[in-house]
């Protein structure tokens, strides 16, 4: 039996998590100035090059350790099997598309507020994982339950909750996960 070694088993998920941790630590070290400058999307002039960085970078920023850990723990649980199934490049593309879509929704529809955090990415992965076992001509019951329980709950919270959580970002992330999951299932033959 050979020596045990630590394996960097899900490079996209692990790198995303480490970059989020670095963004959090940088934010703490700069009194949150770097978070506001790079890792938070809000209405800013289109002539500012950082506007475009923030459309993607907002998913790496977090409002504090509790916000960070709640997102990253779910990402570390759900992400590696997705990366194994779909591959690193496809999962990275899913993350980038979800970041851009949620960033644009925030930028266009909510000019007076800011958005940061990986929760849209987490919701994309949750819905994408519920589609992972999809077979031709069948809609997985797991997808139906996730939509009813998770996304339905977010719709209710969006109407009723008075908190700083962006339920719309969760919904957008879930919709991205569904669209990307169906698109990837069409480009790959079904396993059974």
C-alpha atoms as a PDB file:
ATOM      1  CA  UNK A   1       0.000   0.000   0.000  1.00  0.00           C
ATOM      2  CA  UNK A   2       1.396   3.374  -1.075  1.00  0.00           C
ATOM      3  CA  UNK A   3       1.615   6.558   0.919  1.00  0.00           C
ATOM      4  CA  UNK A   4      -1.513   8.612   1.290  1.00  0.00           C
ATOM      5  CA  UNK A   5      -1.410  12.058  -0.258  1.00  0.00           C
ATOM      6  CA  UNK A   6      -3.731  15.022  -0.399  1.00  0.00           C
ATOM      7  CA  UNK A   7      -5.337  15.357  -3.815  1.00  0.00           C
ATOM      8  CA  UNK A   8      -6.490  18.651  -5.340  1.00  0.00           C
ATOM      9  CA  UNK A   9      -9.525  16.731  -6.560  1.00  0.00           C
ATOM     10  CA  UNK A  10     -11.809  19.509  -7.801  1.00  0.00           C
ATOM     11  CA  UNK A  11      -9.564  22.289  -9.120  1.00  0.00           C
ATOM     12  CA  UNK A  12     -12.326  24.730 -10.117  1.00  0.00           C
ATOM     13  CA  UNK A  13     -14.284  24.334  -6.868  1.00  0.00           C
ATOM     14  CA  UNK A  14     -11.184  24.447  -4.680  1.00  0.00           C
ATOM     15  CA  UNK A  15      -9.655  27.403  -6.534  1.00  0.00           C
ATOM     16  CA  UNK A  16     -12.969  29.292  -6.373  1.00  0.00           C
ATOM     17  CA  UNK A  17     -13.102  28.626  -2.617  1.00  0.00           C
ATOM     18  CA  UNK A  18      -9.507  29.761  -2.081  1.00  0.00           C
ATOM     19  CA  UNK A  19     -10.038  32.909  -4.173  1.00  0.00           C
ATOM     20  CA  UNK A  20     -13.157  33.684  -2.108  1.00  0.00           C
ATOM     21  CA  UNK A  21     -11.139  33.237   1.082  1.00  0.00           C
ATOM     22  CA  UNK A  22      -8.415  35.525  -0.300  1.00  0.00           C
ATOM     23  CA  UNK A  23     -11.052  38.151  -1.205  1.00  0.00           C
ATOM     24  CA  UNK A  24     -12.494  37.897   2.319  1.00  0.00           C
ATOM     25  CA  UNK A  25      -9.073  38.289   3.967  1.00  0.00           C
ATOM     26  CA  UNK A  26      -8.165  41.171   1.652  1.00  0.00           C
ATOM     27  CA  UNK A  27     -11.454  42.834   2.521  1.00  0.00           C
ATOM     28  CA  UNK A  28     -10.728  42.476   6.237  1.00  0.00           C
ATOM     29  CA  UNK A  29      -7.217  43.878   5.758  1.00  0.00           C
ATOM     30  CA  UNK A  30      -8.439  46.905   3.779  1.00  0.00           C
ATOM     31  CA  UNK A  31     -11.465  47.761   5.899  1.00  0.00           C
ATOM     32  CA  UNK A  32     -13.722  46.366   3.137  1.00  0.00           C
ATOM     33  CA  UNK A  33     -12.433  48.872   0.550  1.00  0.00           C
ATOM     34  CA  UNK A  34     -11.189  46.081  -1.727  1.00  0.00           C
ATOM     35  CA  UNK A  35     -14.519  44.270  -1.368  1.00  0.00           C
ATOM     36  CA  UNK A  36     -16.405  47.360  -2.505  1.00  0.00           C
ATOM     37  CA  UNK A  37     -13.916  48.077  -5.294  1.00  0.00           C
ATOM     38  CA  UNK A  38     -13.589  44.554  -6.777  1.00  0.00           C
ATOM     39  CA  UNK A  39     -15.968  42.012  -5.240  1.00  0.00           C
ATOM     40  CA  UNK A  40     -19.325  43.762  -5.145  1.00  0.00           C
ATOM     41  CA  UNK A  41     -21.536  44.620  -8.135  1.00  0.00           C
ATOM     42  CA  UNK A  42     -23.480  47.868  -8.165  1.00  0.00           C
ATOM     43  CA  UNK A  43     -24.437  50.524 -10.682  1.00  0.00           C
ATOM     44  CA  UNK A  44     -21.280  52.269 -11.787  1.00  0.00           C
ATOM     45  CA  UNK A  45     -20.233  54.048 -14.996  1.00  0.00           C
ATOM     46  CA  UNK A  46     -19.702  51.795 -18.020  1.00  0.00           C
ATOM     47  CA  UNK A  47     -16.504  53.769 -18.655  1.00  0.00           C
ATOM     48  CA  UNK A  48     -15.015  52.371 -15.427  1.00  0.00           C
ATOM     49  CA  UNK A  49     -13.075  49.178 -16.319  1.00  0.00           C
ATOM     50  CA  UNK A  50     -13.729  47.798 -12.825  1.00  0.00           C
ATOM     51  CA  UNK A  51     -17.457  47.721 -13.613  1.00  0.00           C
ATOM     52  CA  UNK A  52     -16.753  44.716 -15.845  1.00  0.00           C
ATOM     53  CA  UNK A  53     -14.494  43.061 -13.267  1.00  0.00           C
ATOM     54  CA  UNK A  54     -17.258  43.383 -10.664  1.00  0.00           C
ATOM     55  CA  UNK A  55     -19.828  41.740 -12.976  1.00  0.00           C
ATOM     56  CA  UNK A  56     -17.840  38.522 -12.491  1.00  0.00           C
ATOM     57  CA  UNK A  57     -15.894  39.205  -9.274  1.00  0.00           C
ATOM     58  CA  UNK A  58     -18.911  39.810  -7.048  1.00  0.00           C
ATOM     59  CA  UNK A  59     -19.315  36.036  -6.569  1.00  0.00           C
ATOM     60  CA  UNK A  60     -15.944  35.929  -4.765  1.00  0.00           C
ATOM     61  CA  UNK A  61     -16.814  38.661  -2.242  1.00  0.00           C
ATOM     62  CA  UNK A  62     -18.552  38.049   1.069  1.00  0.00           C
ATOM     63  CA  UNK A  63     -19.881  40.326   3.796  1.00  0.00           C
ATOM     64  CA  UNK A  64     -18.086  38.452   6.576  1.00  0.00           C
ATOM     65  CA  UNK A  65     -16.953  35.042   7.758  1.00  0.00           C
ATOM     66  CA  UNK A  66     -20.489  33.740   8.415  1.00  0.00           C
ATOM     67  CA  UNK A  67     -21.614  34.712   4.913  1.00  0.00           C
ATOM     68  CA  UNK A  68     -18.471  33.156   3.435  1.00  0.00           C
ATOM     69  CA  UNK A  69     -18.671  29.857   5.314  1.00  0.00           C
ATOM     70  CA  UNK A  70     -22.380  29.298   4.603  1.00  0.00           C
ATOM     71  CA  UNK A  71     -21.763  29.631   0.859  1.00  0.00           C
ATOM     72  CA  UNK A  72     -18.424  27.832   0.642  1.00  0.00           C
ATOM     73  CA  UNK A  73     -19.475  24.829   2.732  1.00  0.00           C
ATOM     74  CA  UNK A  74     -22.366  24.127   0.351  1.00  0.00           C
ATOM     75  CA  UNK A  75     -20.118  24.760  -2.648  1.00  0.00           C
ATOM     76  CA  UNK A  76     -17.539  22.265  -1.318  1.00  0.00           C
ATOM     77  CA  UNK A  77     -20.235  19.615  -0.811  1.00  0.00           C
ATOM     78  CA  UNK A  78     -22.142  20.046  -4.084  1.00  0.00           C
ATOM     79  CA  UNK A  79     -19.357  21.201  -6.424  1.00  0.00           C
ATOM     80  CA  UNK A  80     -16.836  18.324  -6.602  1.00  0.00           C
ATOM     81  CA  UNK A  81     -19.292  15.703  -7.926  1.00  0.00           C
ATOM     82  CA  UNK A  82     -20.451  18.223 -10.546  1.00  0.00           C
ATOM     83  CA  UNK A  83     -16.879  18.930 -11.572  1.00  0.00           C
ATOM     84  CA  UNK A  84     -16.261  15.196 -11.868  1.00  0.00           C
ATOM     85  CA  UNK A  85     -19.392  14.686 -13.980  1.00  0.00           C
ATOM     86  CA  UNK A  86     -19.192  17.717 -16.273  1.00  0.00           C
ATOM     87  CA  UNK A  87     -15.473  18.493 -16.201  1.00  0.00           C
ATOM     88  CA  UNK A  88     -13.569  21.505 -14.945  1.00  0.00           C
ATOM     89  CA  UNK A  89     -13.964  23.633 -18.079  1.00  0.00           C
ATOM     90  CA  UNK A  90     -17.729  23.190 -18.241  1.00  0.00           C
ATOM     91  CA  UNK A  91     -18.193  23.880 -14.535  1.00  0.00           C
ATOM     92  CA  UNK A  92     -16.013  26.992 -14.809  1.00  0.00           C
ATOM     93  CA  UNK A  93     -18.136  28.153 -17.757  1.00  0.00           C
ATOM     94  CA  UNK A  94     -21.303  27.548 -15.681  1.00  0.00           C
ATOM     95  CA  UNK A  95     -19.846  29.639 -12.838  1.00  0.00           C
ATOM     96  CA  UNK A  96     -18.831  32.468 -15.201  1.00  0.00           C
ATOM     97  CA  UNK A  97     -22.229  32.519 -16.955  1.00  0.00           C
ATOM     98  CA  UNK A  98     -24.119  32.517 -13.644  1.00  0.00           C
ATOM     99  CA  UNK A  99     -21.873  35.277 -12.254  1.00  0.00           C
ATOM    100  CA  UNK A 100     -22.415  37.420 -15.345  1.00  0.00           C
ATOM    101  CA  UNK A 101     -26.188  36.885 -15.491  1.00  0.00           C
ATOM    102  CA  UNK A 102     -26.689  37.604 -11.778  1.00  0.00           C
ATOM    103  CA  UNK A 103     -24.337  40.594 -12.000  1.00  0.00           C
ATOM    104  CA  UNK A 104     -26.240  42.038 -14.957  1.00  0.00           C
ATOM    105  CA  UNK A 105     -29.607  41.499 -13.241  1.00  0.00           C
ATOM    106  CA  UNK A 106     -28.320  43.392 -10.203  1.00  0.00           C
ATOM    107  CA  UNK A 107     -26.697  46.125 -12.290  1.00  0.00           C
ATOM    108  CA  UNK A 108     -29.765  46.730 -14.450  1.00  0.00           C
ATOM    109  CA  UNK A 109     -32.685  46.166 -12.079  1.00  0.00           C
ATOM    110  CA  UNK A 110     -31.331  47.383  -8.732  1.00  0.00           C
ATOM    111  CA  UNK A 111     -29.286  50.550  -9.279  1.00  0.00           C
ATOM    112  CA  UNK A 112     -29.506  51.635  -5.655  1.00  0.00           C
ATOM    113  CA  UNK A 113     -28.095  48.502  -4.028  1.00  0.00           C
ATOM    114  CA  UNK A 114     -25.047  46.263  -4.159  1.00  0.00           C
ATOM    115  CA  UNK A 115     -24.619  42.486  -4.445  1.00  0.00           C
ATOM    116  CA  UNK A 116     -21.867  40.149  -3.352  1.00  0.00           C
ATOM    117  CA  UNK A 117     -21.460  36.490  -2.485  1.00  0.00           C
ATOM    118  CA  UNK A 118     -21.479  33.028  -4.020  1.00  0.00           C
ATOM    119  CA  UNK A 119     -25.083  32.112  -3.216  1.00  0.00           C
ATOM    120  CA  UNK A 120     -26.170  32.378  -6.856  1.00  0.00           C
ATOM    121  CA  UNK A 121     -23.360  29.974  -7.774  1.00  0.00           C
ATOM    122  CA  UNK A 122     -24.422  27.619  -4.974  1.00  0.00           C
ATOM    123  CA  UNK A 123     -28.051  27.630  -6.156  1.00  0.00           C
ATOM    124  CA  UNK A 124     -26.888  27.013  -9.732  1.00  0.00           C
ATOM    125  CA  UNK A 125     -24.933  23.988  -8.499  1.00  0.00           C
ATOM    126  CA  UNK A 126     -27.832  22.684  -6.393  1.00  0.00           C
ATOM    127  CA  UNK A 127     -30.186  22.719  -9.384  1.00  0.00           C
ATOM    128  CA  UNK A 128     -27.471  21.413 -11.716  1.00  0.00           C
ATOM    129  CA  UNK A 129     -26.810  18.501  -9.351  1.00  0.00           C
ATOM    130  CA  UNK A 130     -30.510  17.625  -9.319  1.00  0.00           C
ATOM    131  CA  UNK A 131     -30.259  17.246 -13.108  1.00  0.00           C
ATOM    132  CA  UNK A 132     -27.071  15.151 -13.028  1.00  0.00           C
ATOM    133  CA  UNK A 133     -28.853  11.816 -13.318  1.00  0.00           C
ATOM    134  CA  UNK A 134     -31.249  12.915 -16.064  1.00  0.00           C
ATOM    135  CA  UNK A 135     -32.211  10.295 -18.626  1.00  0.00           C
ATOM    136  CA  UNK A 136     -33.672  10.894 -22.091  1.00  0.00           C
ATOM    137  CA  UNK A 137     -37.380  11.653 -21.988  1.00  0.00           C
ATOM    138  CA  UNK A 138     -37.516  11.969 -18.189  1.00  0.00           C
ATOM    139  CA  UNK A 139     -37.519  14.889 -15.765  1.00  0.00           C
ATOM    140  CA  UNK A 140     -35.839  13.919 -12.492  1.00  0.00           C
ATOM    141  CA  UNK A 141     -38.090  14.048  -9.424  1.00  0.00           C
ATOM    142  CA  UNK A 142     -35.105  15.582  -7.590  1.00  0.00           C
ATOM    143  CA  UNK A 143     -35.319  18.585  -9.920  1.00  0.00           C
ATOM    144  CA  UNK A 144     -39.032  18.994  -9.247  1.00  0.00           C
ATOM    145  CA  UNK A 145     -38.467  18.816  -5.474  1.00  0.00           C
ATOM    146  CA  UNK A 146     -35.547  21.278  -5.605  1.00  0.00           C
ATOM    147  CA  UNK A 147     -37.623  23.730  -7.617  1.00  0.00           C
ATOM    148  CA  UNK A 148     -40.588  23.427  -5.253  1.00  0.00           C
ATOM    149  CA  UNK A 149     -38.668  23.423  -1.970  1.00  0.00           C
ATOM    150  CA  UNK A 150     -35.569  25.535  -2.591  1.00  0.00           C
ATOM    151  CA  UNK A 151     -36.573  27.946  -5.316  1.00  0.00           C
ATOM    152  CA  UNK A 152     -40.208  28.087  -4.179  1.00  0.00           C
ATOM    153  CA  UNK A 153     -38.978  29.045  -0.728  1.00  0.00           C
ATOM    154  CA  UNK A 154     -36.868  31.800  -2.264  1.00  0.00           C
ATOM    155  CA  UNK A 155     -39.890  33.193  -4.113  1.00  0.00           C
ATOM    156  CA  UNK A 156     -41.874  33.246  -0.843  1.00  0.00           C
ATOM    157  CA  UNK A 157     -38.938  34.864   0.994  1.00  0.00           C
ATOM    158  CA  UNK A 158     -38.543  37.460  -1.762  1.00  0.00           C
ATOM    159  CA  UNK A 159     -42.105  38.582  -1.106  1.00  0.00           C
ATOM    160  CA  UNK A 160     -42.251  38.165   2.678  1.00  0.00           C
ATOM    161  CA  UNK A 161     -38.735  38.497   4.113  1.00  0.00           C
ATOM    162  CA  UNK A 162     -37.313  41.793   5.247  1.00  0.00           C
ATOM    163  CA  UNK A 163     -33.625  40.900   5.259  1.00  0.00           C
ATOM    164  CA  UNK A 164     -30.493  41.697   3.263  1.00  0.00           C
ATOM    165  CA  UNK A 165     -30.485  38.362   1.422  1.00  0.00           C
ATOM    166  CA  UNK A 166     -30.908  38.602  -2.334  1.00  0.00           C
ATOM    167  CA  UNK A 167     -33.495  35.930  -3.045  1.00  0.00           C
ATOM    168  CA  UNK A 168     -33.557  37.075  -6.674  1.00  0.00           C
ATOM    169  CA  UNK A 169     -29.901  36.052  -6.977  1.00  0.00           C
ATOM    170  CA  UNK A 170     -30.776  32.603  -5.644  1.00  0.00           C
ATOM    171  CA  UNK A 171     -33.606  32.326  -8.161  1.00  0.00           C
ATOM    172  CA  UNK A 172     -31.389  33.543 -11.014  1.00  0.00           C
ATOM    173  CA  UNK A 173     -28.701  31.035  -9.973  1.00  0.00           C
ATOM    174  CA  UNK A 174     -31.257  28.219  -9.915  1.00  0.00           C
ATOM    175  CA  UNK A 175     -32.610  29.187 -13.327  1.00  0.00           C
ATOM    176  CA  UNK A 176     -29.070  29.285 -14.707  1.00  0.00           C
ATOM    177  CA  UNK A 177     -28.449  25.817 -13.246  1.00  0.00           C
ATOM    178  CA  UNK A 178     -31.590  24.457 -14.910  1.00  0.00           C
ATOM    179  CA  UNK A 179     -30.821  26.043 -18.283  1.00  0.00           C
ATOM    180  CA  UNK A 180     -27.179  24.968 -18.224  1.00  0.00           C
ATOM    181  CA  UNK A 181     -28.064  21.460 -17.054  1.00  0.00           C
ATOM    182  CA  UNK A 182     -30.567  20.949 -19.852  1.00  0.00           C
ATOM    183  CA  UNK A 183     -28.136  22.428 -22.401  1.00  0.00           C
ATOM    184  CA  UNK A 184     -25.293  20.143 -21.273  1.00  0.00           C
ATOM    185  CA  UNK A 185     -27.556  17.085 -21.251  1.00  0.00           C
ATOM    186  CA  UNK A 186     -28.360  17.705 -24.906  1.00  0.00           C
ATOM    187  CA  UNK A 187     -24.693  17.968 -25.859  1.00  0.00           C
ATOM    188  CA  UNK A 188     -23.780  14.689 -24.097  1.00  0.00           C
ATOM    189  CA  UNK A 189     -25.457  11.371 -24.713  1.00  0.00           C
ATOM    190  CA  UNK A 190     -27.447  10.170 -21.740  1.00  0.00           C
ATOM    191  CA  UNK A 191     -25.719   7.600 -19.589  1.00  0.00           C
ATOM    192  CA  UNK A 192     -28.596   5.097 -19.657  1.00  0.00           C
END
